[in-house]
C-alpha cells in the first residue's frame, strides 16, 4: 500500500509526458500540412483581385 500512491503519480506523470509529446507531433504535422497545402482558387476566404476592377477605378488619379 505504501508505493501505491507513488505508482499512481508516476503513471500520471508519464501519461502527461506522452500527451504533451503527441500534441507537439500533431502541431508539427499540421504546420507542415499548412505549408505544403495550396489554397483553393475558388475558396470563399480568398478574394480574387480582378485587373479590370483596378483599371476601371476612378478613385486614384492617373499620372502620365
Protein backbone atom coordinates (compact mmCIF):
# COMPACT_ATOMS: atom_id res chain seq x y z
CA UNK A 1 0.00 0.00 0.00
CA UNK A 2 2.91 2.33 0.63
CA UNK A 3 4.02 2.53 -3.02
CA UNK A 4 0.52 2.65 -4.47
CA UNK A 5 0.28 6.46 -4.26
CA UNK A 6 3.71 6.87 -5.83
CA UNK A 7 2.84 4.48 -8.67
CA UNK A 8 -0.32 6.44 -9.47
CA UNK A 9 1.61 9.71 -9.51
CA UNK A 10 4.32 8.22 -11.72
CA UNK A 11 1.80 6.78 -14.20
CA UNK A 12 0.01 10.16 -14.33
CA UNK A 13 3.32 11.93 -14.94
CA UNK A 14 4.24 9.53 -17.74
CA UNK A 15 0.81 9.88 -19.32
CA UNK A 16 1.13 13.66 -19.21
CA UNK A 17 4.51 13.43 -20.97
CA UNK A 18 3.02 11.16 -23.65
CA UNK A 19 0.10 13.55 -24.17
CA UNK A 20 2.38 16.56 -24.50
CA UNK A 21 4.61 14.73 -26.98
CA UNK A 22 1.65 13.68 -29.11
CA UNK A 23 0.34 17.27 -29.13
CA UNK A 24 3.75 18.52 -30.30
CA UNK A 25 3.85 15.93 -33.07
CA UNK A 26 0.34 16.80 -34.21
CA UNK A 27 1.16 20.52 -34.21
CA UNK A 28 4.27 19.89 -36.33
CA UNK A 29 2.27 17.81 -38.80
CA UNK A 30 -0.43 20.46 -39.07
CA UNK A 31 2.18 23.15 -39.60
CA UNK A 32 3.83 21.07 -42.32
CA UNK A 33 0.44 20.46 -43.96
CA UNK A 34 -0.31 24.18 -43.95
CA UNK A 35 2.97 24.95 -45.71
CA UNK A 36 2.51 22.30 -48.39
CA UNK A 37 -1.22 22.80 -48.90
CA UNK A 38 -2.08 25.16 -51.74
CA UNK A 39 -5.15 27.32 -51.20
CA UNK A 40 -8.18 26.68 -53.35
CA UNK A 41 -8.66 29.21 -56.12
CA UNK A 42 -12.42 29.23 -55.60
CA UNK A 43 -12.36 29.42 -51.83
CA UNK A 44 -14.57 31.92 -50.04
CA UNK A 45 -11.69 33.08 -47.87
CA UNK A 46 -9.50 34.46 -50.62
CA UNK A 47 -10.85 37.40 -52.58
CA UNK A 48 -9.76 37.40 -56.20
CA UNK A 49 -8.40 40.70 -57.45
CA UNK A 50 -9.51 41.43 -60.96
CA UNK A 51 -7.35 43.66 -63.12
CA UNK A 52 -10.44 45.17 -64.78
CA UNK A 53 -11.71 46.43 -61.42
CA UNK A 54 -8.38 48.08 -60.69
CA UNK A 55 -8.13 49.69 -64.12
CA UNK A 56 -11.73 50.99 -64.00
CA UNK A 57 -11.25 52.50 -60.55
CA UNK A 58 -11.84 56.28 -60.55
CA UNK A 59 -10.60 56.84 -57.00
CA UNK A 60 -6.97 57.04 -58.00
CA UNK A 61 -5.55 59.92 -60.05
CA UNK A 62 -4.00 58.95 -63.35
CA UNK A 63 -0.40 60.05 -63.78
CA UNK A 64 1.18 60.16 -67.20
